[in-house]
Amino acid sequence: MTETTIQKNLFSKIYTTLKQALQGDESFDYTAGSIKKAVILLAIPMVLEMMMESVFALVDLYFVGHLEHSSFAIQTVGLTESVLTIIYSIDIGLSMAATAVVARRIGEKDPVAAAKAGMQAIVIAFVLSVFLSIFGIIYAKDILLLMGASADAAEHGFRYTQIMIGSSLSITLLFLINGIFRGAGNAAIAMKSLWIANICNIILCPILINGFAEIPALGLLGAAIATTTGRSIGVLYQIYHLFYGNGVLKIKMSYLLPDFKQINALVKIAAPGVLQFVIASCSWIFLAQLVATTGGDHGSAGYQTALRIMMFFILPAWGLSNAAATLVGQNLGAKQIERAEKSVYTTAKYNVIFMATIMIITLCFGEYIISFFTNDEMVKTIAVEALQIMSIGFIFYGIGMVLINTFNGAGDTWTPTGINFFGFWLFQIPLAFVLAKHFNMGPKGVFIAIPVAETAITLAGIFFYKKGKWKRVQV
């Protein structure tokens, strides 16, 4: 066989795999065949999905960063996003439980039980979202003030916060239904729903923020309306494919009737999962408040700008690590423990390569990246410093994400919950406080505490992974 023929065959193989990943193929058996191909088929749409999730905040940040009183607007977007991480934590916990149970049932070749479990997760999400929305609408201004925003900034931005928290149902369903699809092995649908949602957001943001023709300029309020509308359209796309799609999951309306036995089983997995991410989210909220009180409006805006950009890079890595959750869940369901372990190793290797590349980019080009999102020199200076310090731990972040998804995909949600509690609340928060206040380092002390704590958390994750409790969990 000639070298030209080999190259053509290789190109054809790569093209076929990419096409299969982007189109979605639930017929592929993730419990057999090439592990590398399995990771790639799941990782490509999952990475693109998470990139699109991170684009929501960046699009808002870009357009509001060029408004008058941009420091108020950036601070409002950032602080609201920090509070939304609590909602994201609940969503991720539910989504993770749905992924674990659906993947386990698919691995056991029981798609009907998988479909029923997914629908019961939606029932739980609906009830929780109603309470969260009401709370956010009533207490939006108080939330911003509690987070460290100045009275002027809170007055300027509380309507944005009301809409964003008030639309928590669309956020929750977007996360949760994607988790159901990922558990079934169809990450492409999850990816496409985020693409649709983001395209709508990107189109609507400049129109509603700056005005167009007869549409008035709504400023910061327009950003909230655009984002909520985009997410809602993405959810409608998901719902259509749940009920009318051709995948392995066949949904019936009767599956939405409360099944308290199934709900109880999901809650047992989701509760520590939610707690796991709430612990991390509350840590980030404390850090945001610490930066706001020690660095003022410009310090807070700079930190929030750097954090949004960091999340843009980290969320794709989280998407790649999500492949471990699906593969571990399905292979444990198929009683293939060794294959589950190999899946974790392969996913971690790819994530380390990705995060090492991103670390180099942010260290070398951080100033240029920040300059694109704000024209305020004081905000820019703090944001560059924050981004470059936090990026030092990117490789450890990448490994830690895979381990978290391994535990969660296996249904072992208590292990990462314990790791997060000690790593964030008993280590990161005290360290940030001491550096910022006692050593008078201000925001820089907070920036330093982040990669130090994340590295410690990853090392703890490696220790517990090797102990192997995750292999024996029943869901």
Protein backbone atom coordinates (compact mmCIF):
# COMPACT_ATOMS: atom_id res chain seq x y z
CA MET A 1 0.00 0.00 0.00
CA THR A 2 1.45 3.36 -1.05
CA GLU A 3 2.00 6.28 1.35
CA THR A 4 -0.62 8.31 -0.54
CA THR A 5 -3.21 5.56 -0.11
CA ILE A 6 -2.43 5.30 3.63
CA GLN A 7 -2.86 9.06 4.04
CA LYS A 8 -6.17 8.99 2.14
CA ASN A 9 -7.46 6.13 4.30
CA LEU A 10 -6.39 7.96 7.47
CA PHE A 11 -8.10 11.17 6.34
CA SER A 12 -11.24 9.23 5.44
CA LYS A 13 -11.25 7.53 8.86
CA ILE A 14 -10.83 10.86 10.70
CA TYR A 15 -13.54 12.50 8.59
CA THR A 16 -15.98 9.62 9.24
CA THR A 17 -15.34 9.76 13.00
CA LEU A 18 -15.80 13.55 13.14
CA LYS A 19 -19.01 13.29 11.12
CA GLN A 20 -20.30 10.54 13.41
CA ALA A 21 -19.46 12.62 16.51
CA LEU A 22 -21.14 15.78 15.24
CA GLN A 23 -24.25 14.07 13.91
CA GLY A 24 -24.73 11.83 16.94
CA ASP A 25 -24.95 8.06 16.85
CA GLU A 26 -26.65 6.30 19.75
CA SER A 27 -26.21 2.98 17.93
CA PHE A 28 -22.49 3.03 18.80
CA ASP A 29 -21.75 0.65 21.67
CA TYR A 30 -19.54 2.48 24.20
CA THR A 31 -18.99 -0.77 26.10
CA ALA A 32 -17.11 -2.38 23.19
CA GLY A 33 -14.56 -1.45 20.53
CA SER A 34 -11.94 1.29 20.55
CA ILE A 35 -11.81 3.37 23.75
CA LYS A 36 -10.06 6.20 21.90
CA LYS A 37 -12.89 6.35 19.39
CA ALA A 38 -15.47 6.21 22.18
CA VAL A 39 -13.81 9.16 23.95
CA ILE A 40 -13.59 11.15 20.71
CA LEU A 41 -17.22 10.48 19.74
CA LEU A 42 -18.38 11.77 23.13
CA ALA A 43 -15.75 14.45 23.72
CA ILE A 44 -16.05 16.43 20.48
CA PRO A 45 -19.74 17.37 20.89
CA MET A 46 -19.32 17.72 24.67
CA VAL A 47 -16.41 20.16 24.24
CA LEU A 48 -18.37 22.17 21.68
CA GLU A 49 -21.41 22.09 23.97
CA MET A 50 -19.47 23.51 26.92
CA MET A 51 -17.80 26.11 24.70
CA MET A 52 -21.26 27.29 23.77
CA GLU A 53 -22.33 27.39 27.43
CA SER A 54 -19.34 29.60 28.25
CA VAL A 55 -20.09 31.85 25.27
CA PHE A 56 -23.32 33.04 26.96
CA ALA A 57 -21.43 34.98 29.62
CA LEU A 58 -18.71 36.15 27.21
CA VAL A 59 -21.21 37.58 24.72
CA ASP A 60 -22.94 39.50 27.51
CA LEU A 61 -19.57 40.60 28.85
CA TYR A 62 -18.39 41.87 25.47
CA PHE A 63 -21.44 44.00 24.72
CA VAL A 64 -22.01 45.38 28.23
CA GLY A 65 -18.27 46.03 28.58
CA HIS A 66 -18.64 48.79 25.99
CA LEU A 67 -21.64 50.47 27.60
CA GLU A 68 -21.55 53.70 29.58
CA HIS A 69 -20.82 52.91 33.25
CA SER A 70 -19.25 49.66 32.02
CA SER A 71 -17.68 48.88 35.41
CA PHE A 72 -21.20 48.73 36.91
CA ALA A 73 -22.44 46.58 34.04
CA ILE A 74 -19.47 44.18 34.11
CA GLN A 75 -19.74 43.87 37.88
CA THR A 76 -23.48 43.12 37.64
CA VAL A 77 -22.97 40.45 34.98
CA GLY A 78 -20.10 38.89 36.94
CA LEU A 79 -21.75 38.94 40.36
CA THR A 80 -25.03 37.64 38.92
CA GLU A 81 -23.13 34.86 37.19
CA SER A 82 -21.46 34.04 40.52
CA VAL A 83 -24.88 33.69 42.17
CA LEU A 84 -26.15 31.71 39.20
CA THR A 85 -23.42 29.20 39.92
CA ILE A 86 -25.59 28.03 42.83
CA ILE A 87 -28.36 27.31 40.33
CA TYR A 88 -25.78 25.74 38.03
CA SER A 89 -24.69 23.59 40.97
CA ILE A 90 -28.21 22.28 41.45
CA ASP A 91 -28.52 21.77 37.71
CA ILE A 92 -25.19 20.00 37.40
CA GLY A 93 -26.04 17.79 40.39
CA LEU A 94 -29.36 16.76 38.83
CA SER A 95 -27.80 16.45 35.41
CA MET A 96 -25.00 14.31 36.80
CA ALA A 97 -27.50 12.02 38.57
CA ALA A 98 -29.53 11.71 35.37
CA THR A 99 -26.38 10.95 33.35
CA ALA A 100 -25.23 8.31 35.87
CA VAL A 101 -28.59 6.51 36.03
CA VAL A 102 -29.38 6.77 32.31
CA ALA A 103 -25.87 5.60 31.37
CA ARG A 104 -26.08 2.66 33.81
CA ARG A 105 -29.47 1.58 32.41
CA ILE A 106 -28.21 1.94 28.82
CA GLY A 107 -25.17 -0.18 29.74
CA GLU A 108 -27.62 -2.77 31.10
CA LYS A 109 -29.52 -2.59 27.76
CA ASP A 110 -32.70 -1.23 29.36
CA PRO A 111 -33.64 1.96 27.43
CA VAL A 112 -37.18 2.10 28.86
CA ALA A 113 -35.87 2.38 32.43
CA ALA A 114 -33.36 4.97 31.18
CA ALA A 115 -36.14 7.08 29.65
CA LYS A 116 -38.27 6.90 32.79
CA ALA A 117 -35.35 7.95 35.00
CA GLY A 118 -34.66 10.94 32.76
CA MET A 119 -38.24 12.14 32.93
CA GLN A 120 -38.38 11.87 36.71
CA ALA A 121 -35.29 14.07 36.89
CA ILE A 122 -37.21 16.69 34.89
CA VAL A 123 -40.07 16.54 37.40
CA ILE A 124 -37.63 17.29 40.24
CA ALA A 125 -36.03 20.13 38.25
CA PHE A 126 -39.36 21.82 37.53
CA VAL A 127 -40.37 21.98 41.19
CA LEU A 128 -36.98 23.34 42.33
CA SER A 129 -36.82 25.96 39.55
CA VAL A 130 -40.15 27.53 40.52
CA PHE A 131 -38.89 28.28 44.04
CA LEU A 132 -35.53 29.60 42.83
CA SER A 133 -37.15 31.90 40.28
CA ILE A 134 -39.50 33.47 42.82
CA PHE A 135 -36.65 34.03 45.26
CA GLY A 136 -34.44 35.65 42.60
CA ILE A 137 -37.15 38.03 41.40
CA ILE A 138 -37.99 39.24 44.91
CA TYR A 139 -34.45 39.61 46.31
CA ALA A 140 -32.35 40.56 43.25
CA LYS A 141 -31.10 43.90 44.61
CA ASP A 142 -30.35 42.45 48.05
CA ILE A 143 -28.36 39.65 46.40
CA LEU A 144 -26.12 42.11 44.56
CA LEU A 145 -25.54 44.15 47.73
CA LEU A 146 -24.75 41.00 49.70
CA MET A 147 -22.22 40.04 47.03
CA GLY A 148 -20.31 43.28 47.61
CA ALA A 149 -21.73 45.50 44.86
CA SER A 150 -21.95 49.20 45.63
CA ALA A 151 -25.40 50.74 46.09
CA ASP A 152 -25.07 52.45 42.68
CA ALA A 153 -24.05 49.23 40.95
CA ALA A 154 -26.93 47.30 42.58
CA GLU A 155 -29.45 49.94 41.56
CA HIS A 156 -28.05 49.98 38.04
CA GLY A 157 -28.16 46.22 37.53
CA PHE A 158 -30.81 44.54 39.69
CA ARG A 159 -33.28 44.20 36.79
CA TYR A 160 -30.68 42.13 34.94
CA THR A 161 -30.33 39.90 37.99
CA GLN A 162 -34.11 39.53 38.31
CA ILE A 163 -34.46 38.24 34.76
CA MET A 164 -31.44 35.94 34.90
CA ILE A 165 -32.36 34.23 38.18
CA GLY A 166 -36.07 34.39 37.37
CA SER A 167 -35.45 32.32 34.24
CA SER A 168 -33.81 29.49 36.16
CA LEU A 169 -36.19 26.90 34.64
CA SER A 170 -34.69 27.39 31.18
CA ILE A 171 -31.16 27.16 32.63
CA THR A 172 -32.04 24.02 34.60
CA LEU A 173 -33.70 22.22 31.70
CA LEU A 174 -30.87 23.08 29.34
CA PHE A 175 -28.36 21.43 31.71
CA LEU A 176 -30.56 18.53 32.72
CA ILE A 177 -31.88 17.39 29.35
CA ASN A 178 -28.36 17.56 27.96
CA GLY A 179 -27.29 15.30 30.82
CA ILE A 180 -29.99 12.81 29.81
CA PHE A 181 -28.79 12.81 26.21
CA ARG A 182 -25.16 12.42 27.29
CA GLY A 183 -26.05 9.43 29.48
CA ALA A 184 -27.71 7.84 26.45
CA GLY A 185 -24.54 8.44 24.44
CA ASN A 186 -25.99 11.15 22.19
CA ALA A 187 -23.82 14.14 23.06
CA ALA A 188 -24.48 15.65 19.62
CA ILE A 189 -28.06 16.67 20.51
CA ALA A 190 -26.75 18.35 23.68
CA MET A 191 -24.19 20.22 21.58
CA LYS A 192 -26.72 21.34 18.96
CA SER A 193 -29.12 22.70 21.57
CA LEU A 194 -26.36 24.98 22.92
CA TRP A 195 -25.39 26.05 19.41
CA ILE A 196 -28.97 27.07 18.68
CA ALA A 197 -29.31 28.87 22.01
CA ASN A 198 -26.07 30.79 21.47
CA ILE A 199 -26.77 31.78 17.89
CA CYS A 200 -30.05 33.30 19.09
CA ASN A 201 -28.23 35.06 21.95
CA ILE A 202 -25.50 36.44 19.68
CA ILE A 203 -28.10 37.82 17.26
CA LEU A 204 -30.35 39.27 19.96
CA CYS A 205 -27.68 40.76 22.26
CA PRO A 206 -26.54 43.69 20.05
CA ILE A 207 -30.11 44.34 18.91
CA LEU A 208 -31.60 44.52 22.40
CA ILE A 209 -28.61 46.13 24.13
CA ASN A 210 -27.86 48.84 21.57
CA GLY A 211 -31.22 49.09 19.78
CA PHE A 212 -32.04 48.52 16.13
CA ALA A 213 -34.55 50.31 13.90
CA GLU A 214 -37.73 50.59 15.99
CA ILE A 215 -36.37 48.45 18.82
CA PRO A 216 -35.17 50.68 21.69
CA ALA A 217 -31.74 50.29 23.31
CA LEU A 218 -32.34 48.36 26.55
CA GLY A 219 -28.71 48.31 27.70
CA LEU A 220 -27.94 45.76 30.42
CA LEU A 221 -31.59 44.67 30.55
CA GLY A 222 -31.37 43.71 26.87
CA ALA A 223 -28.51 41.32 27.62
CA ALA A 224 -30.66 39.44 30.14
CA ILE A 225 -33.62 39.20 27.76
CA ALA A 226 -31.41 38.00 24.90
CA THR A 227 -29.73 35.30 26.99
CA THR A 228 -33.00 34.05 28.46
CA THR A 229 -34.67 33.93 25.05
CA GLY A 230 -31.73 32.05 23.53
CA ARG A 231 -31.70 29.46 26.30
CA SER A 232 -35.47 28.97 26.07
CA ILE A 233 -35.26 28.28 22.33
CA GLY A 234 -32.50 25.74 23.03
CA VAL A 235 -34.77 23.98 25.54
CA LEU A 236 -37.61 23.77 23.00
CA TYR A 237 -35.19 22.07 20.59
CA GLN A 238 -34.25 19.54 23.30
CA ILE A 239 -37.87 18.80 24.18
CA TYR A 240 -38.71 18.18 20.53
CA HIS A 241 -35.94 15.59 20.23
CA LEU A 242 -36.88 13.96 23.53
CA PHE A 243 -40.42 13.27 22.36
CA TYR A 244 -40.02 12.98 18.59
CA GLY A 245 -36.36 12.02 18.05
CA ASN A 246 -35.09 8.73 16.62
CA GLY A 247 -32.61 7.95 19.42
CA VAL A 248 -32.50 5.05 21.83
CA LEU A 249 -34.65 6.96 24.38
CA LYS A 250 -38.36 6.71 23.60
CA ILE A 251 -40.27 9.19 25.76
CA LYS A 252 -43.95 9.00 26.68
CA MET A 253 -46.00 11.61 28.53
CA SER A 254 -46.87 9.00 31.15
CA TYR A 255 -43.19 8.94 32.19
CA LEU A 256 -43.70 12.45 33.62
CA LEU A 257 -46.15 11.20 36.26
CA PRO A 258 -44.30 11.27 39.59
CA ASP A 259 -42.69 7.93 40.46
CA PHE A 260 -41.56 8.48 44.04
CA LYS A 261 -39.39 5.37 44.14
CA GLN A 262 -37.43 6.60 41.11
CA ILE A 263 -37.40 10.19 42.42
CA ASN A 264 -35.99 8.94 45.73
CA ALA A 265 -33.25 6.98 43.91
CA LEU A 266 -32.31 10.06 41.86
CA VAL A 267 -32.32 12.35 44.90
CA LYS A 268 -29.94 9.99 46.74
CA ILE A 269 -27.42 10.45 43.93
CA ALA A 270 -28.22 14.08 43.15
CA ALA A 271 -28.29 15.44 46.72
CA PRO A 272 -24.58 14.95 47.47
CA GLY A 273 -23.88 15.93 43.86
CA VAL A 274 -25.73 19.21 44.32
CA LEU A 275 -23.99 19.73 47.67
CA GLN A 276 -20.68 18.98 45.96
CA PHE A 277 -21.11 21.81 43.46
CA VAL A 278 -22.82 24.17 45.92
CA ILE A 279 -19.74 23.87 48.12
CA ALA A 280 -17.56 24.90 45.18
CA SER A 281 -19.96 27.63 44.07
CA CYS A 282 -20.24 29.18 47.53
CA SER A 283 -16.46 29.26 47.66
CA TRP A 284 -16.38 31.19 44.38
CA ILE A 285 -19.08 33.53 45.69
CA PHE A 286 -17.02 34.20 48.82
CA LEU A 287 -13.95 34.90 46.67
CA ALA A 288 -15.96 37.31 44.49
CA GLN A 289 -17.19 39.11 47.60
CA LEU A 290 -13.65 39.24 49.03
CA VAL A 291 -12.31 40.75 45.80
CA ALA A 292 -15.16 43.28 45.71
CA THR A 293 -14.52 44.45 49.27
CA THR A 294 -10.72 44.63 48.95
CA GLY A 295 -10.49 45.82 45.34
CA GLY A 296 -13.57 48.01 44.89
CA ASP A 297 -15.71 48.22 41.73
CA HIS A 298 -12.72 48.11 39.36
CA GLY A 299 -11.11 45.21 41.22
CA SER A 300 -14.37 43.29 41.13
CA ALA A 301 -14.93 44.04 37.44
CA GLY A 302 -11.36 42.95 36.61
CA TYR A 303 -11.71 39.69 38.52
CA GLN A 304 -15.10 38.94 36.96
CA THR A 305 -13.72 39.62 33.47
CA ALA A 306 -10.78 37.25 34.06
CA LEU A 307 -13.09 34.64 35.60
CA ARG A 308 -15.48 34.66 32.64
CA ILE A 309 -12.56 34.21 30.23
CA MET A 310 -11.09 31.46 32.39
CA MET A 311 -14.45 29.67 32.41
CA PHE A 312 -14.58 29.96 28.62
CA PHE A 313 -11.46 27.79 28.51
CA ILE A 314 -12.32 25.52 31.45
CA LEU A 315 -15.85 24.61 30.36
CA PRO A 316 -14.66 22.87 27.15
CA ALA A 317 -12.27 20.87 29.33
CA TRP A 318 -15.23 20.02 31.57
CA GLY A 319 -17.06 18.92 28.43
CA LEU A 320 -14.18 16.64 27.47
CA SER A 321 -14.08 15.21 30.99
CA ASN A 322 -17.83 14.52 30.76
CA ALA A 323 -16.91 11.71 28.39
CA ALA A 324 -15.51 9.89 31.41
CA ALA A 325 -18.90 10.05 33.19
CA THR A 326 -20.77 8.43 30.29
CA LEU A 327 -18.09 5.81 29.62
CA VAL A 328 -17.68 4.90 33.29
CA GLY A 329 -21.45 4.68 33.80
CA GLN A 330 -22.12 2.53 30.75
CA ASN A 331 -19.13 0.23 31.28
CA LEU A 332 -19.89 -0.33 34.95
CA GLY A 333 -23.45 -1.16 33.88
CA ALA A 334 -21.97 -3.70 31.44
CA LYS A 335 -19.69 -5.07 34.25
CA GLN A 336 -16.53 -4.00 32.39
CA ILE A 337 -14.49 -2.39 35.17
CA GLU A 338 -11.12 -2.56 33.40
CA ARG A 339 -12.56 -0.80 30.37
CA ALA A 340 -13.99 1.91 32.63
CA GLU A 341 -10.51 2.48 34.10
CA LYS A 342 -8.91 2.72 30.65
CA SER A 343 -11.58 5.23 29.63
CA VAL A 344 -10.64 7.45 32.59
CA TYR A 345 -6.94 7.33 31.71
CA THR A 346 -7.54 8.15 28.03
CA THR A 347 -9.87 11.04 28.83
CA ALA A 348 -7.42 12.46 31.40
CA LYS A 349 -4.56 12.32 28.88
CA TYR A 350 -6.52 14.32 26.30
CA ASN A 351 -7.64 16.85 28.92
CA VAL A 352 -4.08 17.46 30.14
CA ILE A 353 -2.92 18.17 26.58
CA PHE A 354 -5.82 20.59 26.06
CA MET A 355 -5.34 22.45 29.34
CA ALA A 356 -1.55 22.71 28.90
CA THR A 357 -2.16 24.38 25.53
CA ILE A 358 -4.66 26.81 27.06
CA MET A 359 -2.26 27.63 29.90
CA ILE A 360 0.43 28.66 27.41
CA ILE A 361 -2.06 30.79 25.44
CA THR A 362 -3.34 32.67 28.50
CA LEU A 363 0.15 33.26 29.90
CA CYS A 364 1.47 34.59 26.60
CA PHE A 365 -1.56 36.43 25.24
CA GLY A 366 -3.64 37.25 28.34
CA GLU A 367 -3.34 41.02 27.85
CA TYR A 368 -4.58 40.85 24.26
CA ILE A 369 -7.50 38.62 25.23
CA ILE A 370 -8.58 40.93 28.07
CA SER A 371 -8.31 44.03 25.86
CA PHE A 372 -11.00 42.62 23.60
CA PHE A 373 -13.57 42.62 26.42
CA THR A 374 -13.01 45.95 28.17
CA ASN A 375 -11.62 49.39 27.37
CA ASP A 376 -11.25 50.41 31.03
CA GLU A 377 -7.50 50.47 31.80
CA MET A 378 -7.91 49.87 35.56
CA VAL A 379 -10.20 46.90 34.96
CA LYS A 380 -7.82 45.59 32.29
CA THR A 381 -4.75 45.68 34.55
CA ILE A 382 -6.41 43.67 37.32
CA ALA A 383 -8.01 41.23 34.86
CA VAL A 384 -4.67 40.40 33.18
CA GLU A 385 -3.02 39.73 36.54
CA ALA A 386 -5.93 37.55 37.67
CA LEU A 387 -6.06 35.51 34.45
CA GLN A 388 -2.33 34.80 34.36
CA ILE A 389 -2.13 33.77 38.02
CA MET A 390 -5.20 31.53 37.86
CA SER A 391 -4.06 29.86 34.62
CA ILE A 392 -0.95 28.42 36.32
CA GLY A 393 -3.11 25.59 37.70
CA PHE A 394 -4.83 24.67 34.43
CA ILE A 395 -3.17 21.25 34.06
CA PHE A 396 -4.30 20.23 37.55
CA TYR A 397 -7.79 21.59 36.82
CA GLY A 398 -7.92 19.26 33.79
CA ILE A 399 -7.01 16.13 35.75
CA GLY A 400 -9.35 17.06 38.62
CA MET A 401 -12.33 17.47 36.28
CA VAL A 402 -11.89 13.96 34.87
CA LEU A 403 -11.69 12.47 38.36
CA ILE A 404 -14.82 14.31 39.52
CA ASN A 405 -16.73 13.06 36.48
CA THR A 406 -15.42 9.55 37.07
CA PHE A 407 -16.78 9.49 40.62
CA ASN A 408 -20.07 11.09 39.59
CA GLY A 409 -20.52 8.90 36.51
CA ALA A 410 -20.15 5.87 38.76
CA GLY A 411 -22.74 7.29 41.16
CA ASP A 412 -20.12 7.85 43.90
CA THR A 413 -21.15 11.45 44.59
CA TRP A 414 -20.08 11.57 48.24
CA THR A 415 -16.34 11.24 47.55
CA PRO A 416 -16.00 14.44 45.46
CA THR A 417 -18.38 16.19 47.88
CA GLY A 418 -16.01 15.50 50.76
CA ILE A 419 -12.99 16.52 48.70
CA ASN A 420 -14.68 19.80 47.74
CA PHE A 421 -15.68 20.56 51.33
CA PHE A 422 -12.14 20.24 52.66
CA GLY A 423 -10.49 21.70 49.56
CA PHE A 424 -12.67 24.77 49.16
CA TRP A 425 -14.10 25.64 52.58
CA LEU A 426 -11.31 24.47 54.87
CA PHE A 427 -8.40 25.39 52.60
CA GLN A 428 -9.16 27.79 49.71
CA ILE A 429 -11.38 30.25 51.61
CA PRO A 430 -9.10 30.58 54.68
CA LEU A 431 -6.03 30.86 52.43
CA ALA A 432 -7.63 33.58 50.27
CA PHE A 433 -8.78 35.48 53.37
CA VAL A 434 -5.37 35.37 55.06
CA LEU A 435 -3.52 36.43 51.90
CA ALA A 436 -5.98 39.20 51.03
CA LYS A 437 -6.54 40.61 54.53
CA HIS A 438 -3.74 39.56 56.88
CA PHE A 439 -0.92 39.97 54.36
CA ASN A 440 -2.65 42.95 52.72
CA MET A 441 -2.34 41.44 49.24
CA GLY A 442 -5.93 42.37 48.35
CA PRO A 443 -7.34 40.76 45.20
CA LYS A 444 -3.95 39.27 44.26
CA GLY A 445 -4.10 37.08 47.37
CA VAL A 446 -7.42 35.69 46.17
CA PHE A 447 -5.99 35.00 42.71
CA ILE A 448 -3.08 33.06 44.22
CA ALA A 449 -5.33 30.95 46.47
CA ILE A 450 -7.29 29.59 43.49
CA PRO A 451 -4.59 27.50 41.68
CA VAL A 452 -3.04 26.43 45.01
CA ALA A 453 -6.36 25.01 46.27
CA GLU A 454 -7.29 23.43 42.94
CA THR A 455 -3.95 21.60 42.87
CA ALA A 456 -4.54 20.23 46.38
CA ILE A 457 -8.06 19.12 45.41
CA THR A 458 -6.73 17.25 42.38
CA LEU A 459 -4.09 15.43 44.44
CA ALA A 460 -6.82 14.34 46.87
CA GLY A 461 -8.91 13.14 43.92
CA ILE A 462 -6.04 10.98 42.65
CA PHE A 463 -5.69 9.40 46.11
CA PHE A 464 -9.37 8.44 46.33
CA TYR A 465 -9.50 7.29 42.71
CA LYS A 466 -6.76 4.78 43.41
CA LYS A 467 -8.63 3.48 46.48
CA GLY A 468 -11.31 2.30 44.01
CA LYS A 469 -14.55 2.76 45.96
CA TRP A 470 -16.18 4.21 42.82
CA LYS A 471 -15.99 0.79 41.10
CA ARG A 472 -18.31 -0.82 43.66
CA VAL A 473 -21.16 1.74 43.83
CA GLN A 474 -24.65 0.50 42.86
CA VAL A 475 -27.22 2.87 41.28
